[in-house]
Amino acid sequence: MTTADTGRDGPLPRTGRQESPEERADRRWCDLLQEVRVAQTGSQILFGFLLSVAFMPRFAELGAVDRGLYVTTVVLGALATGSLTAPVAYHRIFAGHRRKPQLVDSAARLVGVGLVLLALTIGSALLLLLRVATGSAAAGWVTGAVMLWYLYCWLLLPLRHLRRRDGQLDQPDDRLPPAVPGPGRAWDRRTGVAARHRNSPAEGRRHDARGTSGEGIR
């Protein structure tokens, strides 16, 4: 069991987990699986809807541009689904080979690629839907605005919070009030540790006498 470091202002917060590389890989893998479950739900529902569009009666009325956009959307959806389900195949192949850290790193990169493909699939499907529903040139502008919102929520906002947190860790926190030593104790300016305060010259002489005779040493 590990304990937190102590200093002048009391116990200092731990800045990281005390875990082995295998434990860290297991924790990262569990976190990655939770992320994949969330992303897979959206991609599978969207991809299933796209597959059914080709069998609808109105599909035959689409022009050449809309048909090409539909094919592009279906291909992007298939690629996104393949990237987001790839960690399962990786795990089956790597199982029993004691390569969990390499598994997590590779799977994390594939999930990142899958999220990019999923965002492109959503944008392409939205553009196709707006073109068919409205037939207006504003469909492109609306789709572009929505994709900018995805970019902000999925990338820029997390990076902003991460950069702010790193800046706070680099700067000392002067807002916390200094800890008050207990009764009969005072801070030693040289060591920064609370030491017993000598209230009177008599007490100081008794302390020096105990130190000289060895009675105060155990």
C-alpha atoms as a PDB file:
ATOM      1  CA  MET A   1       0.000   0.000   0.000  1.00  0.00           C
ATOM      2  CA  THR A   2       1.337   3.393  -0.946  1.00  0.00           C
ATOM      3  CA  THR A   3       0.885   6.571   1.033  1.00  0.00           C
ATOM      4  CA  ALA A   4       0.733  10.155  -0.091  1.00  0.00           C
ATOM      5  CA  ASP A   5       3.744  12.415   0.334  1.00  0.00           C
ATOM      6  CA  THR A   6       3.663  14.996   3.092  1.00  0.00           C
ATOM      7  CA  GLY A   7       5.012  18.502   3.152  1.00  0.00           C
ATOM      8  CA  ARG A   8       4.664  21.796   4.975  1.00  0.00           C
ATOM      9  CA  ASP A   9       1.077  22.285   3.857  1.00  0.00           C
ATOM     10  CA  GLY A  10      -0.019  18.776   4.810  1.00  0.00           C
ATOM     11  CA  PRO A  11      -0.457  15.698   2.632  1.00  0.00           C
ATOM     12  CA  LEU A  12       0.188  16.276  -1.050  1.00  0.00           C
ATOM     13  CA  PRO A  13      -2.240  14.789  -3.615  1.00  0.00           C
ATOM     14  CA  ARG A  14      -1.001  11.876  -5.675  1.00  0.00           C
ATOM     15  CA  THR A  15      -0.344  12.816  -9.295  1.00  0.00           C
ATOM     16  CA  GLY A  16      -0.687   9.334 -10.796  1.00  0.00           C
ATOM     17  CA  ARG A  17      -1.606   5.708 -10.246  1.00  0.00           C
ATOM     18  CA  GLN A  18       0.890   3.297  -8.756  1.00  0.00           C
ATOM     19  CA  GLU A  19       0.426   0.397 -11.168  1.00  0.00           C
ATOM     20  CA  SER A  20       2.508  -2.014 -13.207  1.00  0.00           C
ATOM     21  CA  PRO A  21       2.592  -1.856 -17.033  1.00  0.00           C
ATOM     22  CA  GLU A  22       0.254  -4.853 -17.171  1.00  0.00           C
ATOM     23  CA  GLU A  23      -2.232  -3.244 -14.777  1.00  0.00           C
ATOM     24  CA  ARG A  24      -2.129  -0.009 -16.755  1.00  0.00           C
ATOM     25  CA  ALA A  25      -2.733  -1.923 -19.995  1.00  0.00           C
ATOM     26  CA  ASP A  26      -5.712  -3.728 -18.439  1.00  0.00           C
ATOM     27  CA  ARG A  27      -7.216  -0.430 -17.249  1.00  0.00           C
ATOM     28  CA  ARG A  28      -6.702   1.231 -20.635  1.00  0.00           C
ATOM     29  CA  TRP A  29      -8.240  -1.759 -22.396  1.00  0.00           C
ATOM     30  CA  CYS A  30     -11.369  -1.595 -20.242  1.00  0.00           C
ATOM     31  CA  ASP A  31     -11.669   2.147 -20.911  1.00  0.00           C
ATOM     32  CA  LEU A  32     -11.201   1.536 -24.637  1.00  0.00           C
ATOM     33  CA  LEU A  33     -13.953  -1.078 -24.699  1.00  0.00           C
ATOM     34  CA  GLN A  34     -16.386   1.385 -23.132  1.00  0.00           C
ATOM     35  CA  GLU A  35     -15.519   3.960 -25.792  1.00  0.00           C
ATOM     36  CA  VAL A  36     -15.942   1.404 -28.581  1.00  0.00           C
ATOM     37  CA  ARG A  37     -19.380   0.396 -27.286  1.00  0.00           C
ATOM     38  CA  VAL A  38     -20.589   3.982 -27.478  1.00  0.00           C
ATOM     39  CA  ALA A  39     -19.164   4.586 -30.956  1.00  0.00           C
ATOM     40  CA  GLN A  40     -20.290   1.234 -32.356  1.00  0.00           C
ATOM     41  CA  THR A  41     -23.908   1.855 -31.414  1.00  0.00           C
ATOM     42  CA  GLY A  42     -24.120   4.965 -33.565  1.00  0.00           C
ATOM     43  CA  SER A  43     -22.153   3.534 -36.475  1.00  0.00           C
ATOM     44  CA  GLN A  44     -24.139   0.298 -36.661  1.00  0.00           C
ATOM     45  CA  ILE A  45     -27.508   2.061 -36.572  1.00  0.00           C
ATOM     46  CA  LEU A  46     -26.426   4.527 -39.257  1.00  0.00           C
ATOM     47  CA  PHE A  47     -24.880   1.838 -41.451  1.00  0.00           C
ATOM     48  CA  GLY A  48     -27.967  -0.344 -41.192  1.00  0.00           C
ATOM     49  CA  PHE A  49     -30.165   2.565 -42.246  1.00  0.00           C
ATOM     50  CA  LEU A  50     -27.933   3.320 -45.218  1.00  0.00           C
ATOM     51  CA  LEU A  51     -28.114  -0.275 -46.443  1.00  0.00           C
ATOM     52  CA  SER A  52     -31.913  -0.141 -46.443  1.00  0.00           C
ATOM     53  CA  VAL A  53     -32.097   3.073 -48.479  1.00  0.00           C
ATOM     54  CA  ALA A  54     -31.194   1.290 -51.731  1.00  0.00           C
ATOM     55  CA  PHE A  55     -34.312  -0.876 -51.483  1.00  0.00           C
ATOM     56  CA  MET A  56     -36.751   2.022 -51.098  1.00  0.00           C
ATOM     57  CA  PRO A  57     -38.920   3.009 -54.090  1.00  0.00           C
ATOM     58  CA  ARG A  58     -37.738   6.607 -54.175  1.00  0.00           C
ATOM     59  CA  PHE A  59     -34.113   5.534 -54.586  1.00  0.00           C
ATOM     60  CA  ALA A  60     -34.675   5.071 -58.322  1.00  0.00           C
ATOM     61  CA  GLU A  61     -35.570   8.771 -58.610  1.00  0.00           C
ATOM     62  CA  LEU A  62     -32.182   9.973 -57.332  1.00  0.00           C
ATOM     63  CA  GLY A  63     -29.913  11.768 -59.767  1.00  0.00           C
ATOM     64  CA  ALA A  64     -26.355  10.807 -60.600  1.00  0.00           C
ATOM     65  CA  VAL A  65     -24.862  13.184 -58.017  1.00  0.00           C
ATOM     66  CA  ASP A  66     -27.066  11.911 -55.216  1.00  0.00           C
ATOM     67  CA  ARG A  67     -26.389   8.296 -56.179  1.00  0.00           C
ATOM     68  CA  GLY A  68     -22.638   8.945 -56.046  1.00  0.00           C
ATOM     69  CA  LEU A  69     -23.050  10.647 -52.691  1.00  0.00           C
ATOM     70  CA  TYR A  70     -25.006   7.663 -51.430  1.00  0.00           C
ATOM     71  CA  VAL A  71     -22.326   5.206 -52.544  1.00  0.00           C
ATOM     72  CA  THR A  72     -19.660   7.334 -50.876  1.00  0.00           C
ATOM     73  CA  THR A  73     -21.656   7.406 -47.652  1.00  0.00           C
ATOM     74  CA  VAL A  74     -22.123   3.630 -47.620  1.00  0.00           C
ATOM     75  CA  VAL A  75     -18.407   3.019 -48.228  1.00  0.00           C
ATOM     76  CA  LEU A  76     -17.450   5.434 -45.446  1.00  0.00           C
ATOM     77  CA  GLY A  77     -19.906   3.723 -43.098  1.00  0.00           C
ATOM     78  CA  ALA A  78     -18.443   0.298 -43.914  1.00  0.00           C
ATOM     79  CA  LEU A  79     -14.912   1.561 -43.288  1.00  0.00           C
ATOM     80  CA  ALA A  80     -15.952   3.149 -39.985  1.00  0.00           C
ATOM     81  CA  THR A  81     -17.650  -0.053 -38.826  1.00  0.00           C
ATOM     82  CA  GLY A  82     -14.565  -2.081 -39.751  1.00  0.00           C
ATOM     83  CA  SER A  83     -12.229   0.235 -37.825  1.00  0.00           C
ATOM     84  CA  LEU A  84     -14.416   0.296 -34.720  1.00  0.00           C
ATOM     85  CA  THR A  85     -14.784  -3.503 -34.633  1.00  0.00           C
ATOM     86  CA  ALA A  86     -11.091  -4.167 -35.372  1.00  0.00           C
ATOM     87  CA  PRO A  87     -10.110  -4.234 -31.640  1.00  0.00           C
ATOM     88  CA  VAL A  88     -12.143  -7.442 -31.295  1.00  0.00           C
ATOM     89  CA  ALA A  89     -10.079  -9.178 -33.985  1.00  0.00           C
ATOM     90  CA  TYR A  90      -6.878  -7.790 -32.478  1.00  0.00           C
ATOM     91  CA  HIS A  91      -7.808  -9.185 -29.092  1.00  0.00           C
ATOM     92  CA  ARG A  92      -8.538 -12.633 -30.526  1.00  0.00           C
ATOM     93  CA  ILE A  93      -5.170 -12.771 -32.295  1.00  0.00           C
ATOM     94  CA  PHE A  94      -3.130 -11.296 -29.414  1.00  0.00           C
ATOM     95  CA  ALA A  95      -4.848 -13.341 -26.676  1.00  0.00           C
ATOM     96  CA  GLY A  96      -2.374 -15.443 -24.705  1.00  0.00           C
ATOM     97  CA  HIS A  97       0.736 -13.809 -26.189  1.00  0.00           C
ATOM     98  CA  ARG A  98       1.340 -11.343 -23.311  1.00  0.00           C
ATOM     99  CA  ARG A  99       1.176  -8.327 -25.620  1.00  0.00           C
ATOM    100  CA  LYS A 100      -1.597  -6.336 -23.969  1.00  0.00           C
ATOM    101  CA  PRO A 101       0.254  -2.944 -24.119  1.00  0.00           C
ATOM    102  CA  GLN A 102       0.838  -3.361 -27.881  1.00  0.00           C
ATOM    103  CA  LEU A 103      -2.779  -4.461 -28.281  1.00  0.00           C
ATOM    104  CA  VAL A 104      -4.083  -1.360 -26.521  1.00  0.00           C
ATOM    105  CA  ASP A 105      -1.892   1.021 -28.547  1.00  0.00           C
ATOM    106  CA  SER A 106      -2.902  -0.503 -31.892  1.00  0.00           C
ATOM    107  CA  ALA A 107      -6.582  -0.682 -30.968  1.00  0.00           C
ATOM    108  CA  ALA A 108      -6.564   2.935 -29.791  1.00  0.00           C
ATOM    109  CA  ARG A 109      -5.204   4.102 -33.157  1.00  0.00           C
ATOM    110  CA  LEU A 110      -7.846   2.110 -35.007  1.00  0.00           C
ATOM    111  CA  VAL A 111     -10.607   3.586 -32.850  1.00  0.00           C
ATOM    112  CA  GLY A 112      -9.291   7.062 -33.617  1.00  0.00           C
ATOM    113  CA  VAL A 113      -9.408   6.326 -37.353  1.00  0.00           C
ATOM    114  CA  GLY A 114     -12.897   4.882 -36.910  1.00  0.00           C
ATOM    115  CA  LEU A 115     -14.136   8.046 -35.236  1.00  0.00           C
ATOM    116  CA  VAL A 116     -12.853  10.164 -38.121  1.00  0.00           C
ATOM    117  CA  LEU A 117     -14.564   7.864 -40.634  1.00  0.00           C
ATOM    118  CA  LEU A 118     -17.750   7.926 -38.568  1.00  0.00           C
ATOM    119  CA  ALA A 119     -17.785  11.719 -38.584  1.00  0.00           C
ATOM    120  CA  LEU A 120     -17.324  11.731 -42.371  1.00  0.00           C
ATOM    121  CA  THR A 121     -20.131   9.198 -42.722  1.00  0.00           C
ATOM    122  CA  ILE A 122     -22.477  11.360 -40.664  1.00  0.00           C
ATOM    123  CA  GLY A 123     -21.588  14.429 -42.696  1.00  0.00           C
ATOM    124  CA  SER A 124     -22.083  12.650 -46.018  1.00  0.00           C
ATOM    125  CA  ALA A 125     -25.403  11.131 -44.913  1.00  0.00           C
ATOM    126  CA  LEU A 126     -26.605  14.525 -43.671  1.00  0.00           C
ATOM    127  CA  LEU A 127     -25.684  16.163 -46.963  1.00  0.00           C
ATOM    128  CA  LEU A 128     -27.553  13.483 -48.924  1.00  0.00           C
ATOM    129  CA  LEU A 129     -30.621  13.792 -46.721  1.00  0.00           C
ATOM    130  CA  LEU A 130     -30.740  17.577 -46.962  1.00  0.00           C
ATOM    131  CA  ARG A 131     -30.283  17.521 -50.740  1.00  0.00           C
ATOM    132  CA  VAL A 132     -33.132  15.062 -51.187  1.00  0.00           C
ATOM    133  CA  ALA A 133     -35.416  16.750 -48.676  1.00  0.00           C
ATOM    134  CA  THR A 134     -34.873  20.391 -49.659  1.00  0.00           C
ATOM    135  CA  GLY A 135     -33.115  20.421 -53.030  1.00  0.00           C
ATOM    136  CA  SER A 136     -31.461  23.663 -51.942  1.00  0.00           C
ATOM    137  CA  ALA A 137     -27.851  24.744 -52.234  1.00  0.00           C
ATOM    138  CA  ALA A 138     -27.983  25.621 -48.534  1.00  0.00           C
ATOM    139  CA  ALA A 139     -27.632  21.903 -47.748  1.00  0.00           C
ATOM    140  CA  GLY A 140     -23.879  22.169 -48.212  1.00  0.00           C
ATOM    141  CA  TRP A 141     -23.604  25.134 -45.837  1.00  0.00           C
ATOM    142  CA  VAL A 142     -25.701  23.447 -43.173  1.00  0.00           C
ATOM    143  CA  THR A 143     -23.639  20.275 -43.449  1.00  0.00           C
ATOM    144  CA  GLY A 144     -20.424  22.275 -43.179  1.00  0.00           C
ATOM    145  CA  ALA A 145     -21.675  24.013 -40.028  1.00  0.00           C
ATOM    146  CA  VAL A 146     -22.621  20.689 -38.465  1.00  0.00           C
ATOM    147  CA  MET A 147     -19.192  19.224 -39.259  1.00  0.00           C
ATOM    148  CA  LEU A 148     -17.515  22.223 -37.647  1.00  0.00           C
ATOM    149  CA  TRP A 149     -19.571  21.526 -34.539  1.00  0.00           C
ATOM    150  CA  TYR A 150     -18.385  17.909 -34.563  1.00  0.00           C
ATOM    151  CA  LEU A 151     -14.798  19.130 -34.925  1.00  0.00           C
ATOM    152  CA  TYR A 152     -15.200  21.411 -31.926  1.00  0.00           C
ATOM    153  CA  CYS A 153     -16.884  18.804 -29.697  1.00  0.00           C
ATOM    154  CA  TRP A 154     -14.726  15.830 -30.645  1.00  0.00           C
ATOM    155  CA  LEU A 155     -11.301  17.468 -30.972  1.00  0.00           C
ATOM    156  CA  LEU A 156     -10.921  21.137 -30.111  1.00  0.00           C
ATOM    157  CA  LEU A 157     -12.844  21.090 -26.822  1.00  0.00           C
ATOM    158  CA  PRO A 158     -10.943  18.074 -25.356  1.00  0.00           C
ATOM    159  CA  LEU A 159      -7.616  19.567 -26.430  1.00  0.00           C
ATOM    160  CA  ARG A 160      -8.584  22.869 -24.838  1.00  0.00           C
ATOM    161  CA  HIS A 161      -9.378  21.239 -21.495  1.00  0.00           C
ATOM    162  CA  LEU A 162      -6.226  19.118 -21.673  1.00  0.00           C
ATOM    163  CA  ARG A 163      -4.039  22.157 -22.330  1.00  0.00           C
ATOM    164  CA  ARG A 164      -5.702  24.087 -19.491  1.00  0.00           C
ATOM    165  CA  ARG A 165      -5.133  21.198 -17.075  1.00  0.00           C
ATOM    166  CA  ASP A 166      -1.463  20.903 -18.076  1.00  0.00           C
ATOM    167  CA  GLY A 167      -1.030  24.626 -17.461  1.00  0.00           C
ATOM    168  CA  GLN A 168      -2.563  24.350 -13.997  1.00  0.00           C
ATOM    169  CA  LEU A 169      -0.262  21.455 -13.085  1.00  0.00           C
ATOM    170  CA  ASP A 170       2.806  23.435 -14.166  1.00  0.00           C
ATOM    171  CA  GLN A 171       1.924  26.379 -11.890  1.00  0.00           C
ATOM    172  CA  PRO A 172       2.002  26.096  -8.077  1.00  0.00           C
ATOM    173  CA  ASP A 173      -1.333  26.534  -6.376  1.00  0.00           C
ATOM    174  CA  ASP A 174      -0.968  29.543  -4.053  1.00  0.00           C
ATOM    175  CA  ARG A 175      -4.656  29.704  -3.222  1.00  0.00           C
ATOM    176  CA  LEU A 176      -4.484  27.079  -0.478  1.00  0.00           C
ATOM    177  CA  PRO A 177      -3.884  28.541   2.988  1.00  0.00           C
ATOM    178  CA  PRO A 178      -0.833  27.254   4.846  1.00  0.00           C
ATOM    179  CA  ALA A 179      -1.490  24.533   7.367  1.00  0.00           C
ATOM    180  CA  VAL A 180      -1.405  25.587  11.016  1.00  0.00           C
ATOM    181  CA  PRO A 181       0.891  23.549  13.259  1.00  0.00           C
ATOM    182  CA  GLY A 182      -0.541  21.918  16.343  1.00  0.00           C
ATOM    183  CA  PRO A 183      -0.310  23.306  19.883  1.00  0.00           C
ATOM    184  CA  GLY A 184       3.198  23.626  21.178  1.00  0.00           C
ATOM    185  CA  ARG A 185       4.724  23.227  17.697  1.00  0.00           C
ATOM    186  CA  ALA A 186       6.150  25.755  15.238  1.00  0.00           C
ATOM    187  CA  TRP A 187       7.507  25.613  11.723  1.00  0.00           C
ATOM    188  CA  ASP A 188      11.224  25.178  11.280  1.00  0.00           C
ATOM    189  CA  ARG A 189      12.121  27.643   8.513  1.00  0.00           C
ATOM    190  CA  ARG A 190      15.216  25.637   7.611  1.00  0.00           C
ATOM    191  CA  THR A 191      13.582  22.236   7.184  1.00  0.00           C
ATOM    192  CA  GLY A 192       9.922  23.188   6.663  1.00  0.00           C
ATOM    193  CA  VAL A 193       8.852  20.648   9.299  1.00  0.00           C
ATOM    194  CA  ALA A 194       6.803  21.341  12.388  1.00  0.00           C
ATOM    195  CA  ALA A 195       9.044  21.244  15.457  1.00  0.00           C
ATOM    196  CA  ARG A 196       8.256  21.563  19.154  1.00  0.00           C
ATOM    197  CA  HIS A 197       8.202  25.182  20.255  1.00  0.00           C
ATOM    198  CA  ARG A 198      10.080  26.112  23.406  1.00  0.00           C
ATOM    199  CA  ASN A 199       7.691  28.209  25.412  1.00  0.00           C
ATOM    200  CA  SER A 200      10.162  29.223  28.098  1.00  0.00           C
ATOM    201  CA  PRO A 201      13.908  29.228  28.843  1.00  0.00           C
ATOM    202  CA  ALA A 202      13.302  26.586  31.512  1.00  0.00           C
ATOM    203  CA  GLU A 203      11.750  24.233  29.006  1.00  0.00           C
ATOM    204  CA  GLY A 204      14.650  24.858  26.655  1.00  0.00           C
ATOM    205  CA  ARG A 205      17.127  23.948  29.399  1.00  0.00           C
ATOM    206  CA  ARG A 206      15.205  20.753  30.180  1.00  0.00           C
ATOM    207  CA  HIS A 207      15.229  19.824  26.496  1.00  0.00           C
ATOM    208  CA  ASP A 208      18.991  20.448  26.284  1.00  0.00           C
ATOM    209  CA  ALA A 209      19.554  18.395  29.454  1.00  0.00           C
ATOM    210  CA  ARG A 210      17.619  15.442  28.035  1.00  0.00           C
ATOM    211  CA  GLY A 211      19.582  15.651  24.802  1.00  0.00           C
ATOM    212  CA  THR A 212      22.903  15.768  26.687  1.00  0.00           C
ATOM    213  CA  SER A 213      22.126  12.885  29.059  1.00  0.00           C
ATOM    214  CA  GLY A 214      20.683  10.685  26.311  1.00  0.00           C
ATOM    215  CA  GLU A 215      17.351  10.224  28.109  1.00  0.00           C
ATOM    216  CA  GLY A 216      15.444  11.723  25.190  1.00  0.00           C
ATOM    217  CA  ILE A 217      16.985   9.324  22.655  1.00  0.00           C
ATOM    218  CA  ARG A 218      15.330   5.967  22.091  1.00  0.00           C
END
